[in-house]
Structures are given as structure tokens and as C-alpha cells.
């Protein structure tokens, strides 16, 4: 597929240098680099709704606080 992208000058220079080093077309180096980057990127997390059983009068953290805490723990743990 043909498309137009705006690439920072320093990144384009690195891609060109890599293409010369590997003796590959620039488009091949760009495609390989994008694929590698997408594989390494963590998938977006989907927030799940918290189900509460029993009385809502019980004191404790609210749904927003629980989600924030859970996300912080996930971030600290890093990718699986």
C-alpha cells in the first residue's frame, strides 16, 4: 500500500543509513522497523467495570481509585 508519512529528519537519516548497511531498499527497512516497533508495543488495556456486591455503605476505595491502583500495579510490573 502506498501512503505519505511525515518522518523526522534524524529518523529518516538513520533509516537511510541502515538501508545502506543492510543493502536493502529503504522501504524494506521502514517496514521491518515498523513491524518490530508494533510487536514491542504493549496492547491497549480495556477497563473492566467493577461489580460491587452487598451494601454500598461499606467504606472503602471507590471504583476510580481501584482502577488507578490496578493500572499503577500493572505499570510497575511491566509487560508480561
PDB file of N, CA and C in Angstrom:
ATOM      1  N   UNK A   1       0.841  -1.170   0.000  1.00  0.00           N
ATOM      2  CA  UNK A   1       0.000   0.000   0.000  1.00  0.00           C
ATOM      3  C   UNK A   1       0.890   1.238   0.000  1.00  0.00           C
ATOM      4  N   UNK A   2       0.551   2.155  -0.790  1.00  0.00           N
ATOM      5  CA  UNK A   2       1.292   3.401  -0.876  1.00  0.00           C
ATOM      6  C   UNK A   2       0.642   4.444   0.012  1.00  0.00           C
ATOM      7  N   UNK A   3       1.482   5.191   0.745  1.00  0.00           N
ATOM      8  CA  UNK A   3       0.964   6.253   1.601  1.00  0.00           C
ATOM      9  C   UNK A   3       2.039   7.316   1.774  1.00  0.00           C
ATOM     10  N   UNK A   4       1.661   8.437   2.369  1.00  0.00           N
ATOM     11  CA  UNK A   4       2.602   9.518   2.638  1.00  0.00           C
ATOM     12  C   UNK A   4       2.697   9.707   4.144  1.00  0.00           C
ATOM     13  N   UNK A   5       3.919   9.730   4.657  1.00  0.00           N
ATOM     14  CA  UNK A   5       4.160   9.947   6.080  1.00  0.00           C
ATOM     15  C   UNK A   5       5.120  11.115   6.260  1.00  0.00           C
ATOM     16  N   UNK A   6       5.006  11.777   7.377  1.00  0.00           N
ATOM     17  CA  UNK A   6       5.981  12.790   7.747  1.00  0.00           C
ATOM     18  C   UNK A   6       6.902  12.157   8.787  1.00  0.00           C
ATOM     19  N   UNK A   7       8.174  12.051   8.450  1.00  0.00           N
ATOM     20  CA  UNK A   7       9.156  11.409   9.320  1.00  0.00           C
ATOM     21  C   UNK A   7      10.185  12.451   9.729  1.00  0.00           C
ATOM     22  N   UNK A   8      10.541  12.465  11.011  1.00  0.00           N
ATOM     23  CA  UNK A   8      11.564  13.401  11.488  1.00  0.00           C
ATOM     24  C   UNK A   8      12.860  13.182  10.711  1.00  0.00           C
ATOM     25  N   UNK A   9      13.566  14.279  10.469  1.00  0.00           N
ATOM     26  CA  UNK A   9      14.798  14.224   9.670  1.00  0.00           C
ATOM     27  C   UNK A   9      15.823  13.249  10.248  1.00  0.00           C
ATOM     28  N   UNK A  10      16.002  13.276  11.571  1.00  0.00           N
ATOM     29  CA  UNK A  10      17.008  12.393  12.172  1.00  0.00           C
ATOM     30  C   UNK A  10      16.629  10.915  12.026  1.00  0.00           C
ATOM     31  N   UNK A  11      15.340  10.597  12.116  1.00  0.00           N
ATOM     32  CA  UNK A  11      14.905   9.217  11.926  1.00  0.00           C
ATOM     33  C   UNK A  11      15.092   8.775  10.477  1.00  0.00           C
ATOM     34  N   UNK A  12      14.779   9.671   9.551  1.00  0.00           N
ATOM     35  CA  UNK A  12      14.939   9.337   8.139  1.00  0.00           C
ATOM     36  C   UNK A  12      16.402   9.071   7.813  1.00  0.00           C
ATOM     37  N   UNK A  13      17.282   9.862   8.400  1.00  0.00           N
ATOM     38  CA  UNK A  13      18.711   9.658   8.168  1.00  0.00           C
ATOM     39  C   UNK A  13      19.158   8.297   8.706  1.00  0.00           C
ATOM     40  N   UNK A  14      18.678   7.939   9.883  1.00  0.00           N
ATOM     41  CA  UNK A  14      19.021   6.629  10.457  1.00  0.00           C
ATOM     42  C   UNK A  14      18.493   5.492   9.591  1.00  0.00           C
ATOM     43  N   UNK A  15      17.283   5.648   9.077  1.00  0.00           N
ATOM     44  CA  UNK A  15      16.712   4.626   8.205  1.00  0.00           C
ATOM     45  C   UNK A  15      17.530   4.479   6.923  1.00  0.00           C
ATOM     46  N   UNK A  16      17.919   5.596   6.351  1.00  0.00           N
ATOM     47  CA  UNK A  16      18.732   5.547   5.127  1.00  0.00           C
ATOM     48  C   UNK A  16      20.077   4.869   5.384  1.00  0.00           C
ATOM     49  N   UNK A  17      20.708   5.224   6.494  1.00  0.00           N
ATOM     50  CA  UNK A  17      21.994   4.609   6.836  1.00  0.00           C
ATOM     51  C   UNK A  17      21.845   3.104   7.046  1.00  0.00           C
ATOM     52  N   UNK A  18      20.765   2.704   7.722  1.00  0.00           N
ATOM     53  CA  UNK A  18      20.531   1.280   7.957  1.00  0.00           C
ATOM     54  C   UNK A  18      20.294   0.552   6.637  1.00  0.00           C
ATOM     55  N   UNK A  19      19.582   1.190   5.711  1.00  0.00           N
ATOM     56  CA  UNK A  19      19.323   0.572   4.409  1.00  0.00           C
ATOM     57  C   UNK A  19      20.637   0.343   3.653  1.00  0.00           C
ATOM     58  N   UNK A  20      21.544   1.302   3.749  1.00  0.00           N
ATOM     59  CA  UNK A  20      22.838   1.154   3.088  1.00  0.00           C
ATOM     60  C   UNK A  20      23.639   0.031   3.749  1.00  0.00           C
ATOM     61  N   UNK A  21      23.655   0.008   5.074  1.00  0.00           N
ATOM     62  CA  UNK A  21      24.401  -1.020   5.801  1.00  0.00           C
ATOM     63  C   UNK A  21      23.905  -2.425   5.473  1.00  0.00           C
ATOM     64  N   UNK A  22      22.579  -2.573   5.398  1.00  0.00           N
ATOM     65  CA  UNK A  22      21.987  -3.885   5.161  1.00  0.00           C
ATOM     66  C   UNK A  22      21.845  -4.211   3.672  1.00  0.00           C
ATOM     67  N   UNK A  23      22.132  -3.213   2.840  1.00  0.00           N
ATOM     68  CA  UNK A  23      21.972  -3.367   1.383  1.00  0.00           C
ATOM     69  C   UNK A  23      20.545  -3.786   1.035  1.00  0.00           C
ATOM     70  N   UNK A  24      19.604  -3.074   1.656  1.00  0.00           N
ATOM     71  CA  UNK A  24      18.181  -3.311   1.422  1.00  0.00           C
ATOM     72  C   UNK A  24      17.531  -2.026   0.942  1.00  0.00           C
ATOM     73  N   UNK A  25      16.425  -2.126   0.228  1.00  0.00           N
ATOM     74  CA  UNK A  25      15.690  -0.915  -0.147  1.00  0.00           C
ATOM     75  C   UNK A  25      15.172  -0.201   1.106  1.00  0.00           C
ATOM     76  N   UNK A  26      15.084   1.092   1.024  1.00  0.00           N
ATOM     77  CA  UNK A  26      14.611   1.895   2.155  1.00  0.00           C
ATOM     78  C   UNK A  26      13.235   1.428   2.620  1.00  0.00           C
ATOM     79  N   UNK A  27      12.353   1.135   1.691  1.00  0.00           N
ATOM     80  CA  UNK A  27      11.002   0.711   2.059  1.00  0.00           C
ATOM     81  C   UNK A  27      11.034  -0.578   2.892  1.00  0.00           C
ATOM     82  N   UNK A  28      11.943  -1.479   2.609  1.00  0.00           N
ATOM     83  CA  UNK A  28      12.066  -2.719   3.382  1.00  0.00           C
ATOM     84  C   UNK A  28      12.527  -2.431   4.808  1.00  0.00           C
ATOM     85  N   UNK A  29      13.473  -1.525   4.950  1.00  0.00           N
ATOM     86  CA  UNK A  29      13.961  -1.161   6.284  1.00  0.00           C
ATOM     87  C   UNK A  29      12.852  -0.477   7.089  1.00  0.00           C
ATOM     88  N   UNK A  30      12.085   0.395   6.454  1.00  0.00           N
ATOM     89  CA  UNK A  30      10.975   1.072   7.135  1.00  0.00           C
ATOM     90  C   UNK A  30       9.936   0.042   7.581  1.00  0.00           C
ATOM     91  N   UNK A  31       9.570  -0.882   6.700  1.00  0.00           N
ATOM     92  CA  UNK A  31       8.578  -1.896   7.048  1.00  0.00           C
ATOM     93  C   UNK A  31       9.055  -2.779   8.202  1.00  0.00           C
ATOM     94  N   UNK A  32      10.298  -3.221   8.153  1.00  0.00           N
ATOM     95  CA  UNK A  32      10.828  -4.056   9.237  1.00  0.00           C
ATOM     96  C   UNK A  32      10.839  -3.304  10.562  1.00  0.00           C
ATOM     97  N   UNK A  33      11.232  -2.043  10.508  1.00  0.00           N
ATOM     98  CA  UNK A  33      11.296  -1.225  11.720  1.00  0.00           C
ATOM     99  C   UNK A  33       9.906  -1.020  12.312  1.00  0.00           C
ATOM    100  N   UNK A  34       8.924  -0.732  11.473  1.00  0.00           N
ATOM    101  CA  UNK A  34       7.557  -0.552  11.956  1.00  0.00           C
ATOM    102  C   UNK A  34       7.014  -1.846  12.553  1.00  0.00           C
ATOM    103  N   UNK A  35       7.263  -2.960  11.894  1.00  0.00           N
ATOM    104  CA  UNK A  35       6.784  -4.245  12.419  1.00  0.00           C
ATOM    105  C   UNK A  35       7.393  -4.539  13.792  1.00  0.00           C
ATOM    106  N   UNK A  36       8.688  -4.332  13.902  1.00  0.00           N
ATOM    107  CA  UNK A  36       9.361  -4.594  15.175  1.00  0.00           C
ATOM    108  C   UNK A  36       8.796  -3.681  16.258  1.00  0.00           C
ATOM    109  N   UNK A  37       8.590  -2.424  15.931  1.00  0.00           N
ATOM    110  CA  UNK A  37       8.043  -1.488  16.910  1.00  0.00           C
ATOM    111  C   UNK A  37       6.640  -1.855  17.347  1.00  0.00           C
ATOM    112  N   UNK A  38       5.819  -2.311  16.416  1.00  0.00           N
ATOM    113  CA  UNK A  38       4.453  -2.689  16.766  1.00  0.00           C
ATOM    114  C   UNK A  38       4.418  -3.944  17.626  1.00  0.00           C
ATOM    115  N   UNK A  39       5.319  -4.868  17.398  1.00  0.00           N
ATOM    116  CA  UNK A  39       5.379  -6.091  18.199  1.00  0.00           C
ATOM    117  C   UNK A  39       5.770  -5.752  19.631  1.00  0.00           C
ATOM    118  N   UNK A  40       6.689  -4.807  19.794  1.00  0.00           N
ATOM    119  CA  UNK A  40       7.190  -4.457  21.124  1.00  0.00           C
ATOM    120  C   UNK A  40       6.230  -3.573  21.910  1.00  0.00           C
ATOM    121  N   UNK A  41       5.271  -2.929  21.222  1.00  0.00           N
ATOM    122  CA  UNK A  41       4.331  -2.044  21.910  1.00  0.00           C
ATOM    123  C   UNK A  41       3.298  -2.867  22.658  1.00  0.00           C
ATOM    124  N   UNK A  42       3.043  -2.523  23.923  1.00  0.00           N
ATOM    125  CA  UNK A  42       2.010  -3.267  24.656  1.00  0.00           C
ATOM    126  C   UNK A  42       0.628  -2.949  24.090  1.00  0.00           C
ATOM    127  N   UNK A  43      -0.244  -3.933  24.121  1.00  0.00           N
ATOM    128  CA  UNK A  43      -1.614  -3.723  23.658  1.00  0.00           C
ATOM    129  C   UNK A  43      -2.343  -2.796  24.622  1.00  0.00           C
ATOM    130  N   UNK A  44      -3.287  -2.045  24.099  1.00  0.00           N
ATOM    131  CA  UNK A  44      -4.072  -1.137  24.937  1.00  0.00           C
ATOM    132  C   UNK A  44      -4.923  -1.946  25.901  1.00  0.00           C
ATOM    133  N   UNK A  45      -4.980  -1.501  27.123  1.00  0.00           N
ATOM    134  CA  UNK A  45      -5.796  -2.177  28.120  1.00  0.00           C
ATOM    135  C   UNK A  45      -7.232  -1.678  28.027  1.00  0.00           C
ATOM    136  N   UNK A  46      -8.147  -2.595  28.212  1.00  0.00           N
ATOM    137  CA  UNK A  46      -9.556  -2.244  28.227  1.00  0.00           C
ATOM    138  C   UNK A  46     -10.019  -2.280  29.674  1.00  0.00           C
ATOM    139  N   UNK A  47     -10.569  -1.165  30.124  1.00  0.00           N
ATOM    140  CA  UNK A  47     -11.041  -1.088  31.510  1.00  0.00           C
ATOM    141  C   UNK A  47     -12.287  -1.956  31.678  1.00  0.00           C
ATOM    142  N   UNK A  48     -12.296  -2.729  32.727  1.00  0.00           N
ATOM    143  CA  UNK A  48     -13.455  -3.554  33.036  1.00  0.00           C
ATOM    144  C   UNK A  48     -14.256  -2.891  34.141  1.00  0.00           C
ATOM    145  N   UNK A  49     -15.561  -3.021  34.051  1.00  0.00           N
ATOM    146  CA  UNK A  49     -16.420  -2.436  35.063  1.00  0.00           C
ATOM    147  C   UNK A  49     -16.304  -3.238  36.354  1.00  0.00           C
ATOM    148  N   UNK A  50     -16.222  -2.542  37.482  1.00  0.00           N
ATOM    149  CA  UNK A  50     -16.134  -3.191  38.782  1.00  0.00           C
ATOM    150  C   UNK A  50     -17.535  -3.546  39.265  1.00  0.00           C
ATOM    151  N   UNK A  51     -17.715  -4.791  39.649  1.00  0.00           N
ATOM    152  CA  UNK A  51     -19.003  -5.246  40.167  1.00  0.00           C
ATOM    153  C   UNK A  51     -18.927  -5.212  41.686  1.00  0.00           C
ATOM    154  N   UNK A  52     -19.905  -4.579  42.316  1.00  0.00           N
ATOM    155  CA  UNK A  52     -19.936  -4.456  43.773  1.00  0.00           C
ATOM    156  C   UNK A  52     -21.101  -5.283  44.292  1.00  0.00           C
ATOM    157  N   UNK A  53     -20.809  -6.158  45.244  1.00  0.00           N
ATOM    158  CA  UNK A  53     -21.840  -6.985  45.858  1.00  0.00           C
ATOM    159  C   UNK A  53     -22.071  -6.508  47.286  1.00  0.00           C
ATOM    160  N   UNK A  54     -23.296  -6.555  47.721  1.00  0.00           N
ATOM    161  CA  UNK A  54     -23.602  -6.193  49.098  1.00  0.00           C
ATOM    162  C   UNK A  54     -23.918  -4.719  49.236  1.00  0.00           C
ATOM    163  N   UNK A  55     -23.781  -4.230  50.450  1.00  0.00           N
ATOM    164  CA  UNK A  55     -24.142  -2.858  50.784  1.00  0.00           C
ATOM    165  C   UNK A  55     -23.100  -1.879  50.272  1.00  0.00           C
ATOM    166  N   UNK A  56     -23.587  -0.770  49.741  1.00  0.00           N
ATOM    167  CA  UNK A  56     -22.667   0.273  49.291  1.00  0.00           C
ATOM    168  C   UNK A  56     -22.257   1.178  50.451  1.00  0.00           C
ATOM    169  N   UNK A  57     -22.793   0.902  51.658  1.00  0.00           N
ATOM    170  CA  UNK A  57     -22.479   1.719  52.822  1.00  0.00           C
ATOM    171  C   UNK A  57     -21.119   1.351  53.419  1.00  0.00           C
ATOM    172  N   UNK A  58     -20.524   0.257  52.959  1.00  0.00           N
ATOM    173  CA  UNK A  58     -19.239  -0.167  53.490  1.00  0.00           C
ATOM    174  C   UNK A  58     -18.157   0.793  52.987  1.00  0.00           C
ATOM    175  N   UNK A  59     -17.392   1.398  53.912  1.00  0.00           N
ATOM    176  CA  UNK A  59     -16.354   2.330  53.460  1.00  0.00           C
ATOM    177  C   UNK A  59     -15.233   1.593  52.718  1.00  0.00           C
ATOM    178  N   UNK A  60     -14.654   2.271  51.781  1.00  0.00           N
ATOM    179  CA  UNK A  60     -13.554   1.683  51.026  1.00  0.00           C
ATOM    180  C   UNK A  60     -13.264   2.524  49.794  1.00  0.00           C
ATOM    181  N   UNK A  61     -12.274   2.126  49.010  1.00  0.00           N
ATOM    182  CA  UNK A  61     -11.913   2.909  47.822  1.00  0.00           C
ATOM    183  C   UNK A  61     -13.021   2.841  46.777  1.00  0.00           C
ATOM    184  N   UNK A  62     -13.176   3.929  46.051  1.00  0.00           N
ATOM    185  CA  UNK A  62     -14.185   3.954  45.002  1.00  0.00           C
ATOM    186  C   UNK A  62     -13.647   3.304  43.725  1.00  0.00           C
ATOM    187  N   UNK A  63     -14.512   3.143  42.751  1.00  0.00           N
ATOM    188  CA  UNK A  63     -14.177   2.469  41.501  1.00  0.00           C
ATOM    189  C   UNK A  63     -13.004   3.135  40.786  1.00  0.00           C
ATOM    190  N   UNK A  64     -12.982   4.457  40.758  1.00  0.00           N
ATOM    191  CA  UNK A  64     -11.909   5.191  40.081  1.00  0.00           C
ATOM    192  C   UNK A  64     -10.580   4.948  40.783  1.00  0.00           C
ATOM    193  N   UNK A  65     -10.586   4.962  42.108  1.00  0.00           N
ATOM    194  CA  UNK A  65      -9.360   4.729  42.868  1.00  0.00           C
ATOM    195  C   UNK A  65      -8.850   3.301  42.653  1.00  0.00           C
ATOM    196  N   UNK A  66      -9.752   2.327  42.606  1.00  0.00           N
ATOM    197  CA  UNK A  66      -9.351   0.939  42.373  1.00  0.00           C
ATOM    198  C   UNK A  66      -8.719   0.770  40.990  1.00  0.00           C
ATOM    199  N   UNK A  67      -9.325   1.384  39.974  1.00  0.00           N
ATOM    200  CA  UNK A  67      -8.757   1.290  38.621  1.00  0.00           C
ATOM    201  C   UNK A  67      -7.373   1.924  38.559  1.00  0.00           C
ATOM    202  N   UNK A  68      -7.231   3.097  39.167  1.00  0.00           N
ATOM    203  CA  UNK A  68      -5.936   3.778  39.163  1.00  0.00           C
ATOM    204  C   UNK A  68      -4.882   2.923  39.869  1.00  0.00           C
ATOM    205  N   UNK A  69      -5.252   2.329  40.977  1.00  0.00           N
ATOM    206  CA  UNK A  69      -4.334   1.467  41.729  1.00  0.00           C
ATOM    207  C   UNK A  69      -3.944   0.251  40.899  1.00  0.00           C
ATOM    208  N   UNK A  70      -4.925  -0.367  40.253  1.00  0.00           N
ATOM    209  CA  UNK A  70      -4.668  -1.538  39.413  1.00  0.00           C
ATOM    210  C   UNK A  70      -3.745  -1.188  38.245  1.00  0.00           C
ATOM    211  N   UNK A  71      -3.991  -0.066  37.588  1.00  0.00           N
ATOM    212  CA  UNK A  71      -3.143   0.354  36.468  1.00  0.00           C
ATOM    213  C   UNK A  71      -1.722   0.646  36.943  1.00  0.00           C
ATOM    214  N   UNK A  72      -1.593   1.270  38.124  1.00  0.00           N
ATOM    215  CA  UNK A  72      -0.265   1.552  38.662  1.00  0.00           C
ATOM    216  C   UNK A  72       0.498   0.251  38.919  1.00  0.00           C
ATOM    217  N   UNK A  73      -0.176  -0.735  39.483  1.00  0.00           N
ATOM    218  CA  UNK A  73       0.465  -2.028  39.714  1.00  0.00           C
ATOM    219  C   UNK A  73       0.867  -2.691  38.398  1.00  0.00           C
ATOM    220  N   UNK A  74       0.004  -2.622  37.386  1.00  0.00           N
ATOM    221  CA  UNK A  74       0.327  -3.199  36.078  1.00  0.00           C
ATOM    222  C   UNK A  74       1.545  -2.498  35.468  1.00  0.00           C
ATOM    223  N   UNK A  75       1.589  -1.166  35.601  1.00  0.00           N
ATOM    224  CA  UNK A  75       2.711  -0.411  35.038  1.00  0.00           C
ATOM    225  C   UNK A  75       4.022  -0.765  35.737  1.00  0.00           C
ATOM    226  N   UNK A  76       3.949  -0.956  37.060  1.00  0.00           N
ATOM    227  CA  UNK A  76       5.150  -1.310  37.815  1.00  0.00           C
ATOM    228  C   UNK A  76       5.653  -2.707  37.442  1.00  0.00           C
ATOM    229  N   UNK A  77       4.707  -3.611  37.174  1.00  0.00           N
ATOM    230  CA  UNK A  77       5.069  -4.977  36.820  1.00  0.00           C
ATOM    231  C   UNK A  77       5.670  -5.026  35.426  1.00  0.00           C
ATOM    232  N   UNK A  78       5.236  -4.179  34.521  1.00  0.00           N
ATOM    233  CA  UNK A  78       5.766  -4.158  33.163  1.00  0.00           C
ATOM    234  C   UNK A  78       5.070  -5.194  32.298  1.00  0.00           C
ATOM    235  N   UNK A  79       5.556  -5.315  31.052  1.00  0.00           N
ATOM    236  CA  UNK A  79       4.927  -6.257  30.126  1.00  0.00           C
ATOM    237  C   UNK A  79       5.111  -7.703  30.591  1.00  0.00           C
ATOM    238  N   UNK A  80       4.136  -8.525  30.261  1.00  0.00           N
ATOM    239  CA  UNK A  80       4.192  -9.933  30.684  1.00  0.00           C
ATOM    240  C   UNK A  80       5.115 -10.713  29.831  1.00  0.00           C
TER     241      UNK A  80
END
